[in-house]
Amino acid sequence: MQIWQAIVLGTAQGLTEFLPVSSSGHLVLLQEIMDTDFGGNALFFDVMLHLGTLIAVFFVFWKEIVGLLRKPFRRLLLLLLATLPAAAAGLLLGEQIERAFFGGKYLAFGFAFTAALLLVGEGAARRAKRRPFGAGTAACMGLMQAVAVIPGISRSGSTVAAGVCSGAEREEVASFSFLMSIPVILGSALIGAKDLAVGGTAIAAGDMLCMLVGMACAALSGFAAIRVMLRAIGKGNFKWFSLYLALLSVACVFLSSYGIL
């Protein structure tokens, strides 16, 4: 792996983890296009990128994170409820999903699905009758987060769309969606670290530098993406993201027809 590839992948991870365009889909697509060679250290690089995005979340939402630990722990319980579906999907279906979607074969579908979901969410954000954020909203957001384990389907886009469709306030949906990313990203990093400890290879100094650069890029771009996404959710404006994903879906069909994906 070269340092410019680490910069591209780290920046893409940070931006797309929090913008509603699917980080997993973009990373698969970029790795296929760049034909990235991780030298047996793909898992460790993945862990480093996830840690970078976690840094961004903790930096922006540290007050909300501290608030989770205060009585009566209502928000913490809602977060646990919302995390259960994705945790179950990852543990029970993770390997099957990875085999089925390896190489980006169905990325076009995932991107198109997210584009349609964002349009539905934008319409709902303007029409839905507002109601308090509760267990029903958390459960709906959690179920959509589980669906987003499929590459190309955005985690942030799916959870936000589910939250606004349920009628909850957009600002509360936004902050809760970002809080939901913490256990999912942390869980992915821990699983990757476990797999690395079992079957990892030695990491050369040059590769470690690339990975640290990638992690820094993921943190910086993740911070910027969170700010952009918070503004977009506040305005209920997702159409440009939807258009981008629709065009990206068409591009994936084109790339597949030429054997790139």
C-alpha atoms as a PDB file:
ATOM      1  CA  MET A   1       0.000   0.000   0.000  1.00  0.00           C
ATOM      2  CA  GLN A   2       1.213   3.470  -0.888  1.00  0.00           C
ATOM      3  CA  ILE A   3       0.693   6.570   1.214  1.00  0.00           C
ATOM      4  CA  TRP A   4      -1.558   8.243  -1.361  1.00  0.00           C
ATOM      5  CA  GLN A   5      -3.844   5.219  -1.245  1.00  0.00           C
ATOM      6  CA  ALA A   6      -4.010   5.476   2.548  1.00  0.00           C
ATOM      7  CA  ILE A   7      -4.940   9.161   2.239  1.00  0.00           C
ATOM      8  CA  VAL A   8      -7.689   8.412  -0.280  1.00  0.00           C
ATOM      9  CA  LEU A   9      -9.126   5.505   1.716  1.00  0.00           C
ATOM     10  CA  GLY A  10      -8.861   7.287   5.074  1.00  0.00           C
ATOM     11  CA  THR A  11     -10.551  10.402   3.745  1.00  0.00           C
ATOM     12  CA  ALA A  12     -13.252   8.319   2.082  1.00  0.00           C
ATOM     13  CA  GLN A  13     -13.872   6.372   5.296  1.00  0.00           C
ATOM     14  CA  GLY A  14     -14.261   9.506   7.397  1.00  0.00           C
ATOM     15  CA  LEU A  15     -16.525  11.297   4.932  1.00  0.00           C
ATOM     16  CA  THR A  16     -18.745   8.382   4.006  1.00  0.00           C
ATOM     17  CA  GLU A  17     -19.082   6.933   7.509  1.00  0.00           C
ATOM     18  CA  PHE A  18     -21.161   9.947   8.507  1.00  0.00           C
ATOM     19  CA  LEU A  19     -22.533  11.289   5.235  1.00  0.00           C
ATOM     20  CA  PRO A  20     -25.492   9.193   4.001  1.00  0.00           C
ATOM     21  CA  VAL A  21     -23.606   7.529   1.139  1.00  0.00           C
ATOM     22  CA  SER A  22     -22.251   4.238   2.636  1.00  0.00           C
ATOM     23  CA  SER A  23     -18.656   3.965   3.833  1.00  0.00           C
ATOM     24  CA  SER A  24     -18.452   0.209   3.212  1.00  0.00           C
ATOM     25  CA  GLY A  25     -19.671   0.641  -0.364  1.00  0.00           C
ATOM     26  CA  HIS A  26     -17.180   3.405  -1.124  1.00  0.00           C
ATOM     27  CA  LEU A  27     -14.249   1.524   0.404  1.00  0.00           C
ATOM     28  CA  VAL A  28     -15.053  -1.623  -1.577  1.00  0.00           C
ATOM     29  CA  LEU A  29     -15.405   0.440  -4.759  1.00  0.00           C
ATOM     30  CA  LEU A  30     -12.168   2.390  -4.240  1.00  0.00           C
ATOM     31  CA  GLN A  31     -10.161  -0.690  -3.312  1.00  0.00           C
ATOM     32  CA  GLU A  32     -11.333  -2.444  -6.453  1.00  0.00           C
ATOM     33  CA  ILE A  33     -10.537   0.561  -8.657  1.00  0.00           C
ATOM     34  CA  MET A  34      -7.107   1.186  -7.094  1.00  0.00           C
ATOM     35  CA  ASP A  35      -6.336  -2.545  -6.808  1.00  0.00           C
ATOM     36  CA  THR A  36      -4.972  -1.902  -3.318  1.00  0.00           C
ATOM     37  CA  ASP A  37      -2.483  -4.411  -1.907  1.00  0.00           C
ATOM     38  CA  PHE A  38      -2.504  -4.426   1.893  1.00  0.00           C
ATOM     39  CA  GLY A  39       0.212  -7.056   2.173  1.00  0.00           C
ATOM     40  CA  GLY A  40      -1.908  -9.186   4.509  1.00  0.00           C
ATOM     41  CA  ASN A  41      -2.726  -6.234   6.769  1.00  0.00           C
ATOM     42  CA  ALA A  42      -6.169  -5.320   5.466  1.00  0.00           C
ATOM     43  CA  LEU A  43      -7.778  -6.083   8.833  1.00  0.00           C
ATOM     44  CA  PHE A  44      -5.380  -3.868  10.754  1.00  0.00           C
ATOM     45  CA  PHE A  45      -5.896  -1.012   8.303  1.00  0.00           C
ATOM     46  CA  ASP A  46      -9.655  -1.402   8.711  1.00  0.00           C
ATOM     47  CA  VAL A  47      -9.270  -1.195  12.509  1.00  0.00           C
ATOM     48  CA  MET A  48      -7.152   1.951  12.214  1.00  0.00           C
ATOM     49  CA  LEU A  49      -9.715   3.670   9.983  1.00  0.00           C
ATOM     50  CA  HIS A  50     -12.521   2.801  12.398  1.00  0.00           C
ATOM     51  CA  LEU A  51     -10.530   4.237  15.286  1.00  0.00           C
ATOM     52  CA  GLY A  52     -10.065   7.422  13.268  1.00  0.00           C
ATOM     53  CA  THR A  53     -13.807   7.833  12.798  1.00  0.00           C
ATOM     54  CA  LEU A  54     -14.388   7.137  16.494  1.00  0.00           C
ATOM     55  CA  ILE A  55     -12.068  10.001  17.370  1.00  0.00           C
ATOM     56  CA  ALA A  56     -14.256  12.330  15.300  1.00  0.00           C
ATOM     57  CA  VAL A  57     -17.463  11.172  17.023  1.00  0.00           C
ATOM     58  CA  PHE A  58     -15.996  11.517  20.521  1.00  0.00           C
ATOM     59  CA  PHE A  59     -14.653  14.975  19.710  1.00  0.00           C
ATOM     60  CA  VAL A  60     -18.001  16.326  18.476  1.00  0.00           C
ATOM     61  CA  PHE A  61     -20.372  14.489  20.833  1.00  0.00           C
ATOM     62  CA  TRP A  62     -18.396  14.227  24.057  1.00  0.00           C
ATOM     63  CA  LYS A  63     -21.093  16.046  26.044  1.00  0.00           C
ATOM     64  CA  GLU A  64     -23.804  13.678  24.780  1.00  0.00           C
ATOM     65  CA  ILE A  65     -21.584  10.681  25.509  1.00  0.00           C
ATOM     66  CA  VAL A  66     -21.014  11.841  29.093  1.00  0.00           C
ATOM     67  CA  GLY A  67     -24.759  12.422  29.404  1.00  0.00           C
ATOM     68  CA  LEU A  68     -25.398   8.746  28.622  1.00  0.00           C
ATOM     69  CA  LEU A  69     -23.865   7.869  31.981  1.00  0.00           C
ATOM     70  CA  ARG A  70     -26.194  10.052  34.023  1.00  0.00           C
ATOM     71  CA  LYS A  71     -29.341   8.832  35.729  1.00  0.00           C
ATOM     72  CA  PRO A  72     -31.973   7.723  34.861  1.00  0.00           C
ATOM     73  CA  PHE A  73     -29.959   6.261  31.912  1.00  0.00           C
ATOM     74  CA  ARG A  74     -32.976   6.506  29.561  1.00  0.00           C
ATOM     75  CA  ARG A  75     -30.918   7.528  26.537  1.00  0.00           C
ATOM     76  CA  LEU A  76     -28.344   4.820  27.242  1.00  0.00           C
ATOM     77  CA  LEU A  77     -31.096   2.180  27.352  1.00  0.00           C
ATOM     78  CA  LEU A  78     -32.508   3.467  24.061  1.00  0.00           C
ATOM     79  CA  LEU A  79     -29.023   3.252  22.559  1.00  0.00           C
ATOM     80  CA  LEU A  80     -28.659  -0.350  23.693  1.00  0.00           C
ATOM     81  CA  LEU A  81     -32.066  -1.166  22.194  1.00  0.00           C
ATOM     82  CA  ALA A  82     -31.072   0.423  18.876  1.00  0.00           C
ATOM     83  CA  THR A  83     -27.737  -1.451  18.809  1.00  0.00           C
ATOM     84  CA  LEU A  84     -29.162  -4.958  19.279  1.00  0.00           C
ATOM     85  CA  PRO A  85     -30.400  -5.571  15.678  1.00  0.00           C
ATOM     86  CA  ALA A  86     -27.081  -4.607  14.064  1.00  0.00           C
ATOM     87  CA  ALA A  87     -25.125  -6.611  16.633  1.00  0.00           C
ATOM     88  CA  ALA A  88     -27.271  -9.675  15.937  1.00  0.00           C
ATOM     89  CA  ALA A  89     -26.957  -9.228  12.168  1.00  0.00           C
ATOM     90  CA  GLY A  90     -23.192  -8.845  12.396  1.00  0.00           C
ATOM     91  CA  LEU A  91     -22.667 -11.856  14.647  1.00  0.00           C
ATOM     92  CA  LEU A  92     -25.118 -14.216  12.928  1.00  0.00           C
ATOM     93  CA  LEU A  93     -24.826 -13.142   9.297  1.00  0.00           C
ATOM     94  CA  GLY A  94     -21.512 -11.284   9.076  1.00  0.00           C
ATOM     95  CA  GLU A  95     -19.567 -13.983   7.230  1.00  0.00           C
ATOM     96  CA  GLN A  96     -22.432 -14.784   4.858  1.00  0.00           C
ATOM     97  CA  ILE A  97     -22.883 -11.109   4.001  1.00  0.00           C
ATOM     98  CA  GLU A  98     -19.157 -10.690   3.415  1.00  0.00           C
ATOM     99  CA  ARG A  99     -19.083 -13.677   1.051  1.00  0.00           C
ATOM    100  CA  ALA A 100     -22.237 -12.633  -0.790  1.00  0.00           C
ATOM    101  CA  PHE A 101     -21.175  -9.023  -1.336  1.00  0.00           C
ATOM    102  CA  PHE A 102     -17.403  -9.453  -1.651  1.00  0.00           C
ATOM    103  CA  GLY A 103     -15.910  -7.545  -4.580  1.00  0.00           C
ATOM    104  CA  GLY A 104     -18.744  -5.067  -4.985  1.00  0.00           C
ATOM    105  CA  LYS A 105     -21.039  -7.255  -7.069  1.00  0.00           C
ATOM    106  CA  TYR A 106     -24.228  -5.681  -5.684  1.00  0.00           C
ATOM    107  CA  LEU A 107     -23.006  -2.170  -4.904  1.00  0.00           C
ATOM    108  CA  ALA A 108     -25.299  -0.659  -7.529  1.00  0.00           C
ATOM    109  CA  PHE A 109     -28.306  -2.065  -5.690  1.00  0.00           C
ATOM    110  CA  GLY A 110     -27.146  -0.768  -2.317  1.00  0.00           C
ATOM    111  CA  PHE A 111     -26.462   2.742  -3.607  1.00  0.00           C
ATOM    112  CA  ALA A 112     -29.813   2.874  -5.431  1.00  0.00           C
ATOM    113  CA  PHE A 113     -31.661   1.649  -2.328  1.00  0.00           C
ATOM    114  CA  THR A 114     -30.053   4.361  -0.195  1.00  0.00           C
ATOM    115  CA  ALA A 115     -30.870   7.031  -2.794  1.00  0.00           C
ATOM    116  CA  ALA A 116     -34.550   6.072  -2.700  1.00  0.00           C
ATOM    117  CA  LEU A 117     -34.535   5.868   1.103  1.00  0.00           C
ATOM    118  CA  LEU A 118     -33.125   9.398   1.390  1.00  0.00           C
ATOM    119  CA  LEU A 119     -35.876  10.795  -0.807  1.00  0.00           C
ATOM    120  CA  VAL A 120     -38.468   9.092   1.382  1.00  0.00           C
ATOM    121  CA  GLY A 121     -36.762  10.510   4.471  1.00  0.00           C
ATOM    122  CA  GLU A 122     -36.698  14.039   3.026  1.00  0.00           C
ATOM    123  CA  GLY A 123     -40.412  13.901   2.299  1.00  0.00           C
ATOM    124  CA  ALA A 124     -41.173  12.502   5.745  1.00  0.00           C
ATOM    125  CA  ALA A 125     -39.070  15.181   7.431  1.00  0.00           C
ATOM    126  CA  ARG A 126     -41.431  17.803   6.041  1.00  0.00           C
ATOM    127  CA  ARG A 127     -44.755  16.035   6.500  1.00  0.00           C
ATOM    128  CA  ALA A 128     -44.527  13.737   9.525  1.00  0.00           C
ATOM    129  CA  LYS A 129     -46.334  14.739  12.699  1.00  0.00           C
ATOM    130  CA  ARG A 130     -43.758  15.303  15.423  1.00  0.00           C
ATOM    131  CA  ARG A 131     -43.758  13.110  18.517  1.00  0.00           C
ATOM    132  CA  PRO A 132     -41.337  12.465  21.393  1.00  0.00           C
ATOM    133  CA  PHE A 133     -38.271  10.340  20.754  1.00  0.00           C
ATOM    134  CA  GLY A 134     -38.922   6.963  22.372  1.00  0.00           C
ATOM    135  CA  ALA A 135     -38.372   3.222  22.185  1.00  0.00           C
ATOM    136  CA  GLY A 136     -40.326   2.889  18.928  1.00  0.00           C
ATOM    137  CA  THR A 137     -38.099   5.351  17.121  1.00  0.00           C
ATOM    138  CA  ALA A 138     -34.950   3.766  18.575  1.00  0.00           C
ATOM    139  CA  ALA A 139     -36.117   0.308  17.468  1.00  0.00           C
ATOM    140  CA  CYS A 140     -36.887   1.516  13.932  1.00  0.00           C
ATOM    141  CA  MET A 141     -33.486   3.163  13.652  1.00  0.00           C
ATOM    142  CA  GLY A 142     -31.839   0.027  15.005  1.00  0.00           C
ATOM    143  CA  LEU A 143     -33.545  -2.205  12.453  1.00  0.00           C
ATOM    144  CA  MET A 144     -32.412   0.028   9.607  1.00  0.00           C
ATOM    145  CA  GLN A 145     -28.881   0.040  11.007  1.00  0.00           C
ATOM    146  CA  ALA A 146     -28.970  -3.756  10.770  1.00  0.00           C
ATOM    147  CA  VAL A 147     -30.025  -3.528   7.113  1.00  0.00           C
ATOM    148  CA  ALA A 148     -27.066  -1.221   6.506  1.00  0.00           C
ATOM    149  CA  VAL A 149     -24.542  -4.010   7.139  1.00  0.00           C
ATOM    150  CA  ILE A 150     -24.961  -4.644   3.393  1.00  0.00           C
ATOM    151  CA  PRO A 151     -22.265  -2.696   1.469  1.00  0.00           C
ATOM    152  CA  GLY A 152     -23.738   0.234  -0.430  1.00  0.00           C
ATOM    153  CA  ILE A 153     -26.561   0.838   2.060  1.00  0.00           C
ATOM    154  CA  SER A 154     -25.691   3.826   4.217  1.00  0.00           C
ATOM    155  CA  ARG A 155     -25.833   3.396   7.985  1.00  0.00           C
ATOM    156  CA  SER A 156     -26.317   7.082   8.711  1.00  0.00           C
ATOM    157  CA  GLY A 157     -28.775   7.546   5.848  1.00  0.00           C
ATOM    158  CA  SER A 158     -30.850   4.533   6.858  1.00  0.00           C
ATOM    159  CA  THR A 159     -31.036   5.414  10.539  1.00  0.00           C
ATOM    160  CA  VAL A 160     -31.828   9.080   9.938  1.00  0.00           C
ATOM    161  CA  ALA A 161     -34.523   8.234   7.385  1.00  0.00           C
ATOM    162  CA  ALA A 162     -36.094   5.774   9.836  1.00  0.00           C
ATOM    163  CA  GLY A 163     -35.980   8.334  12.639  1.00  0.00           C
ATOM    164  CA  VAL A 164     -37.605  11.175  10.720  1.00  0.00           C
ATOM    165  CA  CYS A 165     -40.215   8.826   9.228  1.00  0.00           C
ATOM    166  CA  SER A 166     -41.196   7.852  12.781  1.00  0.00           C
ATOM    167  CA  GLY A 167     -41.947  11.512  13.496  1.00  0.00           C
ATOM    168  CA  ALA A 168     -39.134  12.304  15.918  1.00  0.00           C
ATOM    169  CA  GLU A 169     -37.451  15.707  15.908  1.00  0.00           C
ATOM    170  CA  ARG A 170     -34.702  15.868  13.287  1.00  0.00           C
ATOM    171  CA  GLU A 171     -32.058  17.289  15.628  1.00  0.00           C
ATOM    172  CA  GLU A 172     -32.629  14.501  18.159  1.00  0.00           C
ATOM    173  CA  VAL A 173     -32.595  11.894  15.395  1.00  0.00           C
ATOM    174  CA  ALA A 174     -29.294  13.306  14.157  1.00  0.00           C
ATOM    175  CA  SER A 175     -27.498  13.175  17.505  1.00  0.00           C
ATOM    176  CA  PHE A 176     -28.881   9.717  18.290  1.00  0.00           C
ATOM    177  CA  SER A 177     -27.805   8.398  14.881  1.00  0.00           C
ATOM    178  CA  PHE A 178     -24.247   9.522  15.526  1.00  0.00           C
ATOM    179  CA  LEU A 179     -24.303   8.017  19.013  1.00  0.00           C
ATOM    180  CA  MET A 180     -25.498   4.763  17.432  1.00  0.00           C
ATOM    181  CA  SER A 181     -22.336   4.703  15.357  1.00  0.00           C
ATOM    182  CA  ILE A 182     -20.136   4.373  18.454  1.00  0.00           C
ATOM    183  CA  PRO A 183     -20.950   0.769  19.494  1.00  0.00           C
ATOM    184  CA  VAL A 184     -21.102  -0.351  15.845  1.00  0.00           C
ATOM    185  CA  ILE A 185     -17.750   1.172  14.894  1.00  0.00           C
ATOM    186  CA  LEU A 186     -16.167   0.051  18.160  1.00  0.00           C
ATOM    187  CA  GLY A 187     -17.546  -3.465  17.695  1.00  0.00           C
ATOM    188  CA  SER A 188     -16.167  -3.640  14.153  1.00  0.00           C
ATOM    189  CA  ALA A 189     -12.775  -2.471  15.372  1.00  0.00           C
ATOM    190  CA  LEU A 190     -12.710  -5.026  18.200  1.00  0.00           C
ATOM    191  CA  ILE A 191     -13.686  -7.874  15.878  1.00  0.00           C
ATOM    192  CA  GLY A 192     -10.982  -6.793  13.450  1.00  0.00           C
ATOM    193  CA  ALA A 193      -8.445  -6.585  16.273  1.00  0.00           C
ATOM    194  CA  LYS A 194      -9.391 -10.093  17.434  1.00  0.00           C
ATOM    195  CA  ASP A 195      -9.021 -11.518  13.944  1.00  0.00           C
ATOM    196  CA  LEU A 196      -5.732  -9.685  13.568  1.00  0.00           C
ATOM    197  CA  ALA A 197      -4.402 -11.157  16.820  1.00  0.00           C
ATOM    198  CA  VAL A 198      -5.308 -14.638  15.629  1.00  0.00           C
ATOM    199  CA  GLY A 199      -3.979 -14.487  12.088  1.00  0.00           C
ATOM    200  CA  GLY A 200      -2.266 -11.150  11.536  1.00  0.00           C
ATOM    201  CA  THR A 201       1.088 -10.648   9.874  1.00  0.00           C
ATOM    202  CA  ALA A 202       4.055  -8.467  10.763  1.00  0.00           C
ATOM    203  CA  ILE A 203       3.630  -4.811   9.808  1.00  0.00           C
ATOM    204  CA  ALA A 204       6.516  -3.014   8.110  1.00  0.00           C
ATOM    205  CA  ALA A 205       7.421   0.504   9.227  1.00  0.00           C
ATOM    206  CA  GLY A 206       6.313   1.952   5.885  1.00  0.00           C
ATOM    207  CA  ASP A 207       2.930   0.270   6.092  1.00  0.00           C
ATOM    208  CA  MET A 208       2.453   1.453   9.676  1.00  0.00           C
ATOM    209  CA  LEU A 209       3.105   5.034   8.564  1.00  0.00           C
ATOM    210  CA  CYS A 210       0.508   4.650   5.818  1.00  0.00           C
ATOM    211  CA  MET A 211      -2.016   3.318   8.308  1.00  0.00           C
ATOM    212  CA  LEU A 212      -1.417   6.146  10.769  1.00  0.00           C
ATOM    213  CA  VAL A 213      -1.861   8.658   7.958  1.00  0.00           C
ATOM    214  CA  GLY A 214      -5.073   6.906   6.937  1.00  0.00           C
ATOM    215  CA  MET A 215      -6.364   7.029  10.507  1.00  0.00           C
ATOM    216  CA  ALA A 216      -5.599  10.757  10.776  1.00  0.00           C
ATOM    217  CA  CYS A 217      -7.378  11.430   7.472  1.00  0.00           C
ATOM    218  CA  ALA A 218     -10.394   9.426   8.663  1.00  0.00           C
ATOM    219  CA  ALA A 219     -10.569  11.480  11.870  1.00  0.00           C
ATOM    220  CA  LEU A 220     -10.265  14.857  10.127  1.00  0.00           C
ATOM    221  CA  SER A 221     -12.662  14.073   7.293  1.00  0.00           C
ATOM    222  CA  GLY A 222     -15.062  12.437   9.748  1.00  0.00           C
ATOM    223  CA  PHE A 223     -15.168  15.631  11.798  1.00  0.00           C
ATOM    224  CA  ALA A 224     -16.027  17.646   8.667  1.00  0.00           C
ATOM    225  CA  ALA A 225     -18.632  15.098   7.567  1.00  0.00           C
ATOM    226  CA  ILE A 226     -20.426  15.193  10.917  1.00  0.00           C
ATOM    227  CA  ARG A 227     -20.761  18.963  10.667  1.00  0.00           C
ATOM    228  CA  VAL A 228     -22.112  18.757   7.113  1.00  0.00           C
ATOM    229  CA  MET A 229     -24.549  15.984   8.020  1.00  0.00           C
ATOM    230  CA  LEU A 230     -25.885  17.841  11.057  1.00  0.00           C
ATOM    231  CA  ARG A 231     -26.694  20.846   8.861  1.00  0.00           C
ATOM    232  CA  ALA A 232     -28.302  18.651   6.183  1.00  0.00           C
ATOM    233  CA  ILE A 233     -30.506  16.866   8.724  1.00  0.00           C
ATOM    234  CA  GLY A 234     -31.514  20.155  10.338  1.00  0.00           C
ATOM    235  CA  LYS A 235     -32.740  21.410   6.960  1.00  0.00           C
ATOM    236  CA  GLY A 236     -34.201  18.032   5.949  1.00  0.00           C
ATOM    237  CA  ASN A 237     -32.336  18.291   2.645  1.00  0.00           C
ATOM    238  CA  PHE A 238     -31.017  14.976   1.280  1.00  0.00           C
ATOM    239  CA  LYS A 239     -31.743  15.344  -2.450  1.00  0.00           C
ATOM    240  CA  TRP A 240     -28.152  16.060  -3.456  1.00  0.00           C
ATOM    241  CA  PHE A 241     -26.930  12.984  -1.623  1.00  0.00           C
ATOM    242  CA  SER A 242     -29.694  11.001  -3.303  1.00  0.00           C
ATOM    243  CA  LEU A 243     -28.698  12.275  -6.749  1.00  0.00           C
ATOM    244  CA  TYR A 244     -25.053  11.450  -6.086  1.00  0.00           C
ATOM    245  CA  LEU A 245     -25.943   7.899  -5.063  1.00  0.00           C
ATOM    246  CA  ALA A 246     -28.180   7.411  -8.100  1.00  0.00           C
ATOM    247  CA  LEU A 247     -25.317   8.459 -10.391  1.00  0.00           C
ATOM    248  CA  LEU A 248     -22.908   6.254  -8.438  1.00  0.00           C
ATOM    249  CA  SER A 249     -25.277   3.309  -8.863  1.00  0.00           C
ATOM    250  CA  VAL A 250     -25.266   3.828 -12.629  1.00  0.00           C
ATOM    251  CA  ALA A 251     -21.459   4.084 -12.566  1.00  0.00           C
ATOM    252  CA  CYS A 252     -21.249   0.756 -10.707  1.00  0.00           C
ATOM    253  CA  VAL A 253     -23.370  -0.911 -13.394  1.00  0.00           C
ATOM    254  CA  PHE A 254     -20.988   0.515 -15.991  1.00  0.00           C
ATOM    255  CA  LEU A 255     -17.907  -0.692 -14.090  1.00  0.00           C
ATOM    256  CA  SER A 256     -19.434  -4.144 -13.658  1.00  0.00           C
ATOM    257  CA  SER A 257     -20.088  -4.421 -17.378  1.00  0.00           C
ATOM    258  CA  TYR A 258     -16.350  -3.866 -17.976  1.00  0.00           C
ATOM    259  CA  GLY A 259     -15.322  -6.395 -15.336  1.00  0.00           C
ATOM    260  CA  ILE A 260     -13.880  -3.808 -12.919  1.00  0.00           C
ATOM    261  CA  LEU A 261     -16.335  -4.813 -10.206  1.00  0.00           C
END
